[in-house]
């Protein structure tokens, strides 16, 4: 897939602590990528089947907050990488223009 054709049916990364998870989703827009997060908690229902919910009980709030912080840091790292890639592309284009003028 190219940079602008990502699999949006899956999160790009997840952070988990026990039953609590934060997933990071990336969506490409005309103004660049947008990142969203989704917080969930796994549990077993009365029949013993695994389920997911967005409800976070009091006992898991600190885990959720720590995972939110990790997600924030991951997104900032991805943005830093995107900026570096953009600067590298712009520098390469400028070098190519400069070399064209020298000939």
PDB file of N, CA and C in Angstrom:
ATOM      1  N   UNK A   1       0.831  -1.186   0.000  1.00  0.00           N
ATOM      2  CA  UNK A   1       0.000   0.000   0.000  1.00  0.00           C
ATOM      3  C   UNK A   1       0.868   1.240   0.000  1.00  0.00           C
ATOM      4  N   UNK A   2       0.421   2.270  -0.678  1.00  0.00           N
ATOM      5  CA  UNK A   2       1.179   3.517  -0.686  1.00  0.00           C
ATOM      6  C   UNK A   2       0.922   4.269   0.612  1.00  0.00           C
ATOM      7  N   UNK A   3       1.615   5.397   0.781  1.00  0.00           N
ATOM      8  CA  UNK A   3       1.450   6.182   1.996  1.00  0.00           C
ATOM      9  C   UNK A   3       0.012   6.644   2.192  1.00  0.00           C
ATOM     10  N   UNK A   4      -0.723   6.819   1.101  1.00  0.00           N
ATOM     11  CA  UNK A   4      -2.070   7.356   1.208  1.00  0.00           C
ATOM     12  C   UNK A   4      -3.140   6.285   1.085  1.00  0.00           C
ATOM     13  N   UNK A   5      -2.769   5.027   0.994  1.00  0.00           N
ATOM     14  CA  UNK A   5      -3.729   3.946   0.903  1.00  0.00           C
ATOM     15  C   UNK A   5      -3.463   2.960   2.024  1.00  0.00           C
ATOM     16  N   UNK A   6      -3.949   3.282   3.194  1.00  0.00           N
ATOM     17  CA  UNK A   6      -3.716   2.429   4.333  1.00  0.00           C
ATOM     18  C   UNK A   6      -4.944   1.593   4.616  1.00  0.00           C
ATOM     19  N   UNK A   7      -4.739   0.486   5.304  1.00  0.00           N
ATOM     20  CA  UNK A   7      -5.835  -0.376   5.711  1.00  0.00           C
ATOM     21  C   UNK A   7      -6.537   0.279   6.892  1.00  0.00           C
ATOM     22  N   UNK A   8      -7.648   0.939   6.628  1.00  0.00           N
ATOM     23  CA  UNK A   8      -8.377   1.632   7.694  1.00  0.00           C
ATOM     24  C   UNK A   8      -9.337   0.713   8.421  1.00  0.00           C
ATOM     25  N   UNK A   9      -9.350  -0.579   8.080  1.00  0.00           N
ATOM     26  CA  UNK A   9     -10.211  -1.515   8.783  1.00  0.00           C
ATOM     27  C   UNK A   9      -9.552  -2.027  10.063  1.00  0.00           C
ATOM     28  N   UNK A  10      -8.289  -1.654  10.272  1.00  0.00           N
ATOM     29  CA  UNK A  10      -7.546  -2.077  11.456  1.00  0.00           C
ATOM     30  C   UNK A  10      -6.813  -0.881  12.055  1.00  0.00           C
ATOM     31  N   UNK A  11      -6.683  -0.881  13.366  1.00  0.00           N
ATOM     32  CA  UNK A  11      -5.872   0.187  13.972  1.00  0.00           C
ATOM     33  C   UNK A  11      -4.414   0.039  13.578  1.00  0.00           C
ATOM     34  N   UNK A  12      -3.681   1.152  13.569  1.00  0.00           N
ATOM     35  CA  UNK A  12      -2.273   1.079  13.198  1.00  0.00           C
ATOM     36  C   UNK A  12      -1.423   0.558  14.349  1.00  0.00           C
ATOM     37  N   UNK A  13      -1.903   0.731  15.571  1.00  0.00           N
ATOM     38  CA  UNK A  13      -1.211   0.175  16.735  1.00  0.00           C
ATOM     39  C   UNK A  13      -2.188   0.131  17.901  1.00  0.00           C
ATOM     40  N   UNK A  14      -1.833  -0.663  18.905  1.00  0.00           N
ATOM     41  CA  UNK A  14      -2.644  -0.790  20.117  1.00  0.00           C
ATOM     42  C   UNK A  14      -1.720  -0.784  21.326  1.00  0.00           C
ATOM     43  N   UNK A  15      -2.251  -0.270  22.432  1.00  0.00           N
ATOM     44  CA  UNK A  15      -1.568  -0.345  23.718  1.00  0.00           C
ATOM     45  C   UNK A  15      -2.530  -1.036  24.676  1.00  0.00           C
ATOM     46  N   UNK A  16      -2.014  -2.014  25.438  1.00  0.00           N
ATOM     47  CA  UNK A  16      -2.875  -2.809  26.321  1.00  0.00           C
ATOM     48  C   UNK A  16      -2.252  -2.924  27.706  1.00  0.00           C
ATOM     49  N   UNK A  17      -3.119  -2.927  28.706  1.00  0.00           N
ATOM     50  CA  UNK A  17      -2.730  -3.211  30.089  1.00  0.00           C
ATOM     51  C   UNK A  17      -3.858  -4.040  30.685  1.00  0.00           C
ATOM     52  N   UNK A  18      -3.621  -5.323  30.806  1.00  0.00           N
ATOM     53  CA  UNK A  18      -4.672  -6.200  31.308  1.00  0.00           C
ATOM     54  C   UNK A  18      -5.846  -6.223  30.348  1.00  0.00           C
ATOM     55  N   UNK A  19      -7.019  -5.931  30.869  1.00  0.00           N
ATOM     56  CA  UNK A  19      -8.233  -5.970  30.053  1.00  0.00           C
ATOM     57  C   UNK A  19      -8.485  -4.672  29.299  1.00  0.00           C
ATOM     58  N   UNK A  20      -7.726  -3.634  29.597  1.00  0.00           N
ATOM     59  CA  UNK A  20      -7.954  -2.317  28.988  1.00  0.00           C
ATOM     60  C   UNK A  20      -7.023  -2.135  27.790  1.00  0.00           C
ATOM     61  N   UNK A  21      -7.575  -1.570  26.726  1.00  0.00           N
ATOM     62  CA  UNK A  21      -6.809  -1.375  25.494  1.00  0.00           C
ATOM     63  C   UNK A  21      -7.154  -0.026  24.871  1.00  0.00           C
ATOM     64  N   UNK A  22      -6.149   0.610  24.295  1.00  0.00           N
ATOM     65  CA  UNK A  22      -6.361   1.816  23.499  1.00  0.00           C
ATOM     66  C   UNK A  22      -5.806   1.532  22.103  1.00  0.00           C
ATOM     67  N   UNK A  23      -6.669   1.662  21.109  1.00  0.00           N
ATOM     68  CA  UNK A  23      -6.273   1.458  19.713  1.00  0.00           C
ATOM     69  C   UNK A  23      -6.126   2.814  19.047  1.00  0.00           C
ATOM     70  N   UNK A  24      -5.127   2.932  18.165  1.00  0.00           N
ATOM     71  CA  UNK A  24      -4.900   4.169  17.421  1.00  0.00           C
ATOM     72  C   UNK A  24      -5.249   3.908  15.959  1.00  0.00           C
ATOM     73  N   UNK A  25      -6.110   4.759  15.418  1.00  0.00           N
ATOM     74  CA  UNK A  25      -6.551   4.667  14.028  1.00  0.00           C
ATOM     75  C   UNK A  25      -6.010   5.862  13.264  1.00  0.00           C
ATOM     76  N   UNK A  26      -5.624   5.655  12.019  1.00  0.00           N
ATOM     77  CA  UNK A  26      -5.135   6.732  11.157  1.00  0.00           C
ATOM     78  C   UNK A  26      -6.055   6.836   9.947  1.00  0.00           C
ATOM     79  N   UNK A  27      -6.429   8.070   9.641  1.00  0.00           N
ATOM     80  CA  UNK A  27      -7.250   8.330   8.460  1.00  0.00           C
ATOM     81  C   UNK A  27      -6.595   9.445   7.677  1.00  0.00           C
ATOM     82  N   UNK A  28      -6.432   9.226   6.393  1.00  0.00           N
ATOM     83  CA  UNK A  28      -5.799  10.215   5.515  1.00  0.00           C
ATOM     84  C   UNK A  28      -6.856  11.215   5.059  1.00  0.00           C
ATOM     85  N   UNK A  29      -6.546  12.500   5.148  1.00  0.00           N
ATOM     86  CA  UNK A  29      -7.437  13.560   4.684  1.00  0.00           C
ATOM     87  C   UNK A  29      -6.683  14.448   3.708  1.00  0.00           C
ATOM     88  N   UNK A  30      -7.390  15.391   3.105  1.00  0.00           N
ATOM     89  CA  UNK A  30      -6.736  16.345   2.197  1.00  0.00           C
ATOM     90  C   UNK A  30      -5.702  17.198   2.926  1.00  0.00           C
ATOM     91  N   UNK A  31      -5.871  17.354   4.231  1.00  0.00           N
ATOM     92  CA  UNK A  31      -4.946  18.157   5.032  1.00  0.00           C
ATOM     93  C   UNK A  31      -3.910  17.309   5.757  1.00  0.00           C
ATOM     94  N   UNK A  32      -3.786  16.057   5.361  1.00  0.00           N
ATOM     95  CA  UNK A  32      -2.828  15.164   6.012  1.00  0.00           C
ATOM     96  C   UNK A  32      -3.534  14.169   6.914  1.00  0.00           C
ATOM     97  N   UNK A  33      -2.758  13.349   7.605  1.00  0.00           N
ATOM     98  CA  UNK A  33      -3.350  12.296   8.424  1.00  0.00           C
ATOM     99  C   UNK A  33      -4.029  12.842   9.681  1.00  0.00           C
ATOM    100  N   UNK A  34      -5.061  12.135  10.084  1.00  0.00           N
ATOM    101  CA  UNK A  34      -5.767  12.417  11.330  1.00  0.00           C
ATOM    102  C   UNK A  34      -5.717  11.144  12.157  1.00  0.00           C
ATOM    103  N   UNK A  35      -5.406  11.272  13.418  1.00  0.00           N
ATOM    104  CA  UNK A  35      -5.330  10.127  14.317  1.00  0.00           C
ATOM    105  C   UNK A  35      -6.483  10.180  15.308  1.00  0.00           C
ATOM    106  N   UNK A  36      -7.104   9.038  15.520  1.00  0.00           N
ATOM    107  CA  UNK A  36      -8.172   8.904  16.508  1.00  0.00           C
ATOM    108  C   UNK A  36      -7.845   7.708  17.388  1.00  0.00           C
ATOM    109  N   UNK A  37      -8.376   7.732  18.589  1.00  0.00           N
ATOM    110  CA  UNK A  37      -8.164   6.610  19.498  1.00  0.00           C
ATOM    111  C   UNK A  37      -9.511   6.021  19.903  1.00  0.00           C
ATOM    112  N   UNK A  38      -9.439   4.754  20.279  1.00  0.00           N
ATOM    113  CA  UNK A  38     -10.620   4.047  20.747  1.00  0.00           C
ATOM    114  C   UNK A  38     -10.208   3.242  21.975  1.00  0.00           C
ATOM    115  N   UNK A  39     -10.886   3.483  23.065  1.00  0.00           N
ATOM    116  CA  UNK A  39     -10.579   2.803  24.313  1.00  0.00           C
ATOM    117  C   UNK A  39     -11.600   1.688  24.521  1.00  0.00           C
ATOM    118  N   UNK A  40     -11.137   0.522  24.951  1.00  0.00           N
ATOM    119  CA  UNK A  40     -12.072  -0.576  25.222  1.00  0.00           C
ATOM    120  C   UNK A  40     -11.555  -1.429  26.381  1.00  0.00           C
ATOM    121  N   UNK A  41     -12.470  -2.226  26.917  1.00  0.00           N
ATOM    122  CA  UNK A  41     -12.124  -3.155  27.988  1.00  0.00           C
ATOM    123  C   UNK A  41     -12.765  -4.493  27.656  1.00  0.00           C
ATOM    124  N   UNK A  42     -11.998  -5.553  27.808  1.00  0.00           N
ATOM    125  CA  UNK A  42     -12.499  -6.904  27.558  1.00  0.00           C
ATOM    126  C   UNK A  42     -13.037  -7.493  28.859  1.00  0.00           C
ATOM    127  N   UNK A  43     -14.047  -8.320  28.726  1.00  0.00           N
ATOM    128  CA  UNK A  43     -14.595  -9.017  29.891  1.00  0.00           C
ATOM    129  C   UNK A  43     -15.311 -10.279  29.407  1.00  0.00           C
ATOM    130  N   UNK A  44     -15.557 -11.182  30.319  1.00  0.00           N
ATOM    131  CA  UNK A  44     -16.314 -12.393  30.001  1.00  0.00           C
ATOM    132  C   UNK A  44     -17.761 -12.198  30.432  1.00  0.00           C
ATOM    133  N   UNK A  45     -18.678 -12.565  29.546  1.00  0.00           N
ATOM    134  CA  UNK A  45     -20.095 -12.452  29.882  1.00  0.00           C
ATOM    135  C   UNK A  45     -20.541 -13.670  30.712  1.00  0.00           C
ATOM    136  N   UNK A  46     -21.836 -13.735  31.011  1.00  0.00           N
ATOM    137  CA  UNK A  46     -22.374 -14.810  31.855  1.00  0.00           C
ATOM    138  C   UNK A  46     -22.134 -16.197  31.265  1.00  0.00           C
ATOM    139  N   UNK A  47     -22.029 -16.274  29.944  1.00  0.00           N
ATOM    140  CA  UNK A  47     -21.807 -17.556  29.274  1.00  0.00           C
ATOM    141  C   UNK A  47     -20.327 -17.879  29.093  1.00  0.00           C
ATOM    142  N   UNK A  48     -19.447 -17.001  29.564  1.00  0.00           N
ATOM    143  CA  UNK A  48     -18.015 -17.228  29.440  1.00  0.00           C
ATOM    144  C   UNK A  48     -17.413 -16.757  28.129  1.00  0.00           C
ATOM    145  N   UNK A  49     -18.200 -16.054  27.324  1.00  0.00           N
ATOM    146  CA  UNK A  49     -17.707 -15.530  26.044  1.00  0.00           C
ATOM    147  C   UNK A  49     -17.068 -14.165  26.251  1.00  0.00           C
ATOM    148  N   UNK A  50     -15.983 -13.914  25.497  1.00  0.00           N
ATOM    149  CA  UNK A  50     -15.310 -12.621  25.596  1.00  0.00           C
ATOM    150  C   UNK A  50     -16.123 -11.544  24.890  1.00  0.00           C
ATOM    151  N   UNK A  51     -16.250 -10.404  25.545  1.00  0.00           N
ATOM    152  CA  UNK A  51     -16.955  -9.242  25.014  1.00  0.00           C
ATOM    153  C   UNK A  51     -16.061  -8.014  25.180  1.00  0.00           C
ATOM    154  N   UNK A  52     -16.375  -6.959  24.468  1.00  0.00           N
ATOM    155  CA  UNK A  52     -15.682  -5.670  24.615  1.00  0.00           C
ATOM    156  C   UNK A  52     -16.696  -4.599  24.937  1.00  0.00           C
ATOM    157  N   UNK A  53     -16.260  -3.626  25.717  1.00  0.00           N
ATOM    158  CA  UNK A  53     -17.105  -2.501  26.063  1.00  0.00           C
ATOM    159  C   UNK A  53     -16.250  -1.239  26.116  1.00  0.00           C
ATOM    160  N   UNK A  54     -16.906  -0.106  25.955  1.00  0.00           N
ATOM    161  CA  UNK A  54     -16.198   1.168  26.114  1.00  0.00           C
ATOM    162  C   UNK A  54     -16.324   1.681  27.549  1.00  0.00           C
ATOM    163  N   UNK A  55     -17.056   0.978  28.370  1.00  0.00           N
ATOM    164  CA  UNK A  55     -17.232   1.349  29.772  1.00  0.00           C
ATOM    165  C   UNK A  55     -15.978   0.952  30.546  1.00  0.00           C
ATOM    166  N   UNK A  56     -15.394   1.931  31.226  1.00  0.00           N
ATOM    167  CA  UNK A  56     -14.194   1.693  32.018  1.00  0.00           C
ATOM    168  C   UNK A  56     -14.567   1.861  33.492  1.00  0.00           C
ATOM    169  N   UNK A  57     -14.520   0.780  34.269  1.00  0.00           N
ATOM    170  CA  UNK A  57     -14.855   0.907  35.687  1.00  0.00           C
ATOM    171  C   UNK A  57     -13.787   1.672  36.452  1.00  0.00           C
ATOM    172  N   UNK A  58     -14.175   2.170  37.582  1.00  0.00           N
ATOM    173  CA  UNK A  58     -13.285   2.967  38.431  1.00  0.00           C
ATOM    174  C   UNK A  58     -11.940   2.279  38.658  1.00  0.00           C
ATOM    175  N   UNK A  59     -11.945   0.977  38.892  1.00  0.00           N
ATOM    176  CA  UNK A  59     -10.702   0.255  39.200  1.00  0.00           C
ATOM    177  C   UNK A  59      -9.703   0.279  38.029  1.00  0.00           C
ATOM    178  N   UNK A  60     -10.179   0.542  36.800  1.00  0.00           N
ATOM    179  CA  UNK A  60      -9.303   0.542  35.624  1.00  0.00           C
ATOM    180  C   UNK A  60      -9.004   1.943  35.086  1.00  0.00           C
ATOM    181  N   UNK A  61      -9.449   2.979  35.780  1.00  0.00           N
ATOM    182  CA  UNK A  61      -9.244   4.340  35.278  1.00  0.00           C
ATOM    183  C   UNK A  61      -7.771   4.719  35.174  1.00  0.00           C
ATOM    184  N   UNK A  62      -6.974   4.335  36.147  1.00  0.00           N
ATOM    185  CA  UNK A  62      -5.549   4.682  36.087  1.00  0.00           C
ATOM    186  C   UNK A  62      -4.872   3.975  34.922  1.00  0.00           C
ATOM    187  N   UNK A  63      -5.208   2.694  34.698  1.00  0.00           N
ATOM    188  CA  UNK A  63      -4.672   1.974  33.533  1.00  0.00           C
ATOM    189  C   UNK A  63      -5.061   2.697  32.251  1.00  0.00           C
ATOM    190  N   UNK A  64      -6.330   3.086  32.149  1.00  0.00           N
ATOM    191  CA  UNK A  64      -6.817   3.760  30.944  1.00  0.00           C
ATOM    192  C   UNK A  64      -6.075   5.081  30.739  1.00  0.00           C
ATOM    193  N   UNK A  65      -5.865   5.826  31.814  1.00  0.00           N
ATOM    194  CA  UNK A  65      -5.158   7.107  31.701  1.00  0.00           C
ATOM    195  C   UNK A  65      -3.720   6.899  31.236  1.00  0.00           C
ATOM    196  N   UNK A  66      -3.059   5.884  31.763  1.00  0.00           N
ATOM    197  CA  UNK A  66      -1.688   5.597  31.340  1.00  0.00           C
ATOM    198  C   UNK A  66      -1.637   5.174  29.878  1.00  0.00           C
ATOM    199  N   UNK A  67      -2.625   4.390  29.452  1.00  0.00           N
ATOM    200  CA  UNK A  67      -2.679   3.974  28.052  1.00  0.00           C
ATOM    201  C   UNK A  67      -2.980   5.157  27.143  1.00  0.00           C
ATOM    202  N   UNK A  68      -3.835   6.071  27.593  1.00  0.00           N
ATOM    203  CA  UNK A  68      -4.088   7.283  26.814  1.00  0.00           C
ATOM    204  C   UNK A  68      -2.797   8.069  26.628  1.00  0.00           C
ATOM    205  N   UNK A  69      -1.993   8.156  27.676  1.00  0.00           N
ATOM    206  CA  UNK A  69      -0.720   8.872  27.577  1.00  0.00           C
ATOM    207  C   UNK A  69       0.212   8.168  26.587  1.00  0.00           C
ATOM    208  N   UNK A  70       0.259   6.841  26.635  1.00  0.00           N
ATOM    209  CA  UNK A  70       1.089   6.099  25.677  1.00  0.00           C
ATOM    210  C   UNK A  70       0.603   6.337  24.249  1.00  0.00           C
ATOM    211  N   UNK A  71      -0.714   6.356  24.070  1.00  0.00           N
ATOM    212  CA  UNK A  71      -1.271   6.592  22.734  1.00  0.00           C
ATOM    213  C   UNK A  71      -0.883   7.988  22.260  1.00  0.00           C
ATOM    214  N   UNK A  72      -0.980   8.969  23.140  1.00  0.00           N
ATOM    215  CA  UNK A  72      -0.597  10.339  22.788  1.00  0.00           C
ATOM    216  C   UNK A  72       0.870  10.379  22.359  1.00  0.00           C
ATOM    217  N   UNK A  73       1.732   9.722  23.130  1.00  0.00           N
ATOM    218  CA  UNK A  73       3.159   9.715  22.805  1.00  0.00           C
ATOM    219  C   UNK A  73       3.417   9.008  21.469  1.00  0.00           C
ATOM    220  N   UNK A  74       2.700   7.932  21.203  1.00  0.00           N
ATOM    221  CA  UNK A  74       2.848   7.223  19.930  1.00  0.00           C
ATOM    222  C   UNK A  74       2.447   8.108  18.759  1.00  0.00           C
ATOM    223  N   UNK A  75       1.341   8.824  18.920  1.00  0.00           N
ATOM    224  CA  UNK A  75       0.874   9.712  17.853  1.00  0.00           C
ATOM    225  C   UNK A  75       1.882  10.828  17.621  1.00  0.00           C
ATOM    226  N   UNK A  76       2.427  11.392  18.684  1.00  0.00           N
ATOM    227  CA  UNK A  76       3.413  12.453  18.526  1.00  0.00           C
ATOM    228  C   UNK A  76       4.661  11.927  17.829  1.00  0.00           C
ATOM    229  N   UNK A  77       5.066  10.706  18.134  1.00  0.00           N
ATOM    230  CA  UNK A  77       6.226  10.105  17.476  1.00  0.00           C
ATOM    231  C   UNK A  77       5.948   9.909  15.982  1.00  0.00           C
ATOM    232  N   UNK A  78       4.734   9.465  15.647  1.00  0.00           N
ATOM    233  CA  UNK A  78       4.380   9.297  14.235  1.00  0.00           C
ATOM    234  C   UNK A  78       4.380  10.647  13.522  1.00  0.00           C
ATOM    235  N   UNK A  79       3.870  11.680  14.183  1.00  0.00           N
ATOM    236  CA  UNK A  79       3.866  13.025  13.592  1.00  0.00           C
ATOM    237  C   UNK A  79       5.297  13.521  13.376  1.00  0.00           C
ATOM    238  N   UNK A  80       6.172  13.266  14.345  1.00  0.00           N
ATOM    239  CA  UNK A  80       7.577  13.663  14.198  1.00  0.00           C
ATOM    240  C   UNK A  80       8.209  12.967  12.996  1.00  0.00           C
ATOM    241  N   UNK A  81       7.912  11.683  12.815  1.00  0.00           N
ATOM    242  CA  UNK A  81       8.442  10.941  11.671  1.00  0.00           C
ATOM    243  C   UNK A  81       7.893  11.505  10.361  1.00  0.00           C
ATOM    244  N   UNK A  82       6.610  11.858  10.354  1.00  0.00           N
ATOM    245  CA  UNK A  82       6.010  12.449   9.150  1.00  0.00           C
ATOM    246  C   UNK A  82       6.665  13.782   8.812  1.00  0.00           C
ATOM    247  N   UNK A  83       6.911  14.604   9.837  1.00  0.00           N
ATOM    248  CA  UNK A  83       7.569  15.895   9.610  1.00  0.00           C
ATOM    249  C   UNK A  83       8.968  15.697   9.050  1.00  0.00           C
ATOM    250  N   UNK A  84       9.708  14.753   9.627  1.00  0.00           N
ATOM    251  CA  UNK A  84      11.070  14.490   9.161  1.00  0.00           C
ATOM    252  C   UNK A  84      11.048  14.005   7.712  1.00  0.00           C
ATOM    253  N   UNK A  85      10.108  13.151   7.382  1.00  0.00           N
ATOM    254  CA  UNK A  85       9.986  12.657   6.010  1.00  0.00           C
ATOM    255  C   UNK A  85       9.643  13.800   5.057  1.00  0.00           C
ATOM    256  N   UNK A  86       8.746  14.675   5.480  1.00  0.00           N
ATOM    257  CA  UNK A  86       8.360  15.820   4.655  1.00  0.00           C
ATOM    258  C   UNK A  86       9.559  16.734   4.423  1.00  0.00           C
ATOM    259  N   UNK A  87      10.305  17.038   5.478  1.00  0.00           N
ATOM    260  CA  UNK A  87      11.483  17.909   5.356  1.00  0.00           C
ATOM    261  C   UNK A  87      12.510  17.262   4.432  1.00  0.00           C
ATOM    262  N   UNK A  88      12.696  15.960   4.563  1.00  0.00           N
ATOM    263  CA  UNK A  88      13.648  15.251   3.702  1.00  0.00           C
ATOM    264  C   UNK A  88      13.216  15.327   2.235  1.00  0.00           C
ATOM    265  N   UNK A  89      11.922  15.164   1.986  1.00  0.00           N
ATOM    266  CA  UNK A  89      11.414  15.257   0.613  1.00  0.00           C
ATOM    267  C   UNK A  89      11.611  16.663   0.057  1.00  0.00           C
ATOM    268  N   UNK A  90      11.317  17.671   0.866  1.00  0.00           N
ATOM    269  CA  UNK A  90      11.472  19.056   0.420  1.00  0.00           C
ATOM    270  C   UNK A  90      12.938  19.383   0.163  1.00  0.00           C
ATOM    271  N   UNK A  91      13.813  18.889   1.014  1.00  0.00           N
ATOM    272  CA  UNK A  91      15.247  19.117   0.847  1.00  0.00           C
ATOM    273  C   UNK A  91      15.735  18.462  -0.437  1.00  0.00           C
ATOM    274  N   UNK A  92      15.262  17.229  -0.695  1.00  0.00           N
ATOM    275  CA  UNK A  92      15.640  16.528  -1.923  1.00  0.00           C
ATOM    276  C   UNK A  92      15.151  17.265  -3.158  1.00  0.00           C
ATOM    277  N   UNK A  93      13.950  17.804  -3.105  1.00  0.00           N
ATOM    278  CA  UNK A  93      13.409  18.560  -4.244  1.00  0.00           C
ATOM    279  C   UNK A  93      14.213  19.832  -4.471  1.00  0.00           C
ATOM    280  N   UNK A  94      14.581  20.497  -3.378  1.00  0.00           N
ATOM    281  CA  UNK A  94      15.364  21.727  -3.497  1.00  0.00           C
ATOM    282  C   UNK A  94      16.735  21.427  -4.086  1.00  0.00           C
ATOM    283  N   UNK A  95      17.353  20.316  -3.639  1.00  0.00           N
ATOM    284  CA  UNK A  95      18.657  19.920  -4.174  1.00  0.00           C
ATOM    285  C   UNK A  95      18.560  19.653  -5.671  1.00  0.00           C
ATOM    286  N   UNK A  96      17.490  18.964  -6.077  1.00  0.00           N
ATOM    287  CA  UNK A  96      17.304  18.651  -7.503  1.00  0.00           C
ATOM    288  C   UNK A  96      17.136  19.935  -8.303  1.00  0.00           C
ATOM    289  N   UNK A  97      16.387  20.903  -7.775  1.00  0.00           N
ATOM    290  CA  UNK A  97      16.224  22.187  -8.475  1.00  0.00           C
ATOM    291  C   UNK A  97      17.546  22.922  -8.566  1.00  0.00           C
ATOM    292  N   UNK A  98      18.303  22.913  -7.461  1.00  0.00           N
ATOM    293  CA  UNK A  98      19.595  23.584  -7.448  1.00  0.00           C
ATOM    294  C   UNK A  98      20.561  22.959  -8.438  1.00  0.00           C
ATOM    295  N   UNK A  99      20.576  21.633  -8.510  1.00  0.00           N
ATOM    296  CA  UNK A  99      21.460  20.958  -9.458  1.00  0.00           C
ATOM    297  C   UNK A  99      21.050  21.246 -10.882  1.00  0.00           C
ATOM    298  N   UNK A 100      19.761  21.384 -11.137  1.00  0.00           N
ATOM    299  CA  UNK A 100      19.276  21.728 -12.476  1.00  0.00           C
ATOM    300  C   UNK A 100      19.723  23.109 -12.896  1.00  0.00           C
ATOM    301  N   UNK A 101      19.806  24.027 -11.948  1.00  0.00           N
ATOM    302  CA  UNK A 101      20.244  25.397 -12.259  1.00  0.00           C
ATOM    303  C   UNK A 101      21.741  25.474 -12.530  1.00  0.00           C
ATOM    304  N   UNK A 102      22.508  24.575 -11.908  1.00  0.00           N
ATOM    305  CA  UNK A 102      23.957  24.583 -12.062  1.00  0.00           C
ATOM    306  C   UNK A 102      24.382  24.116 -13.443  1.00  0.00           C
ATOM    307  N   UNK A 103      23.569  23.384 -14.123  1.00  0.00           N
ATOM    308  CA  UNK A 103      23.958  22.820 -15.430  1.00  0.00           C
ATOM    309  C   UNK A 103      23.886  23.820 -16.516  1.00  0.00           C
TER     310      UNK A 103
END
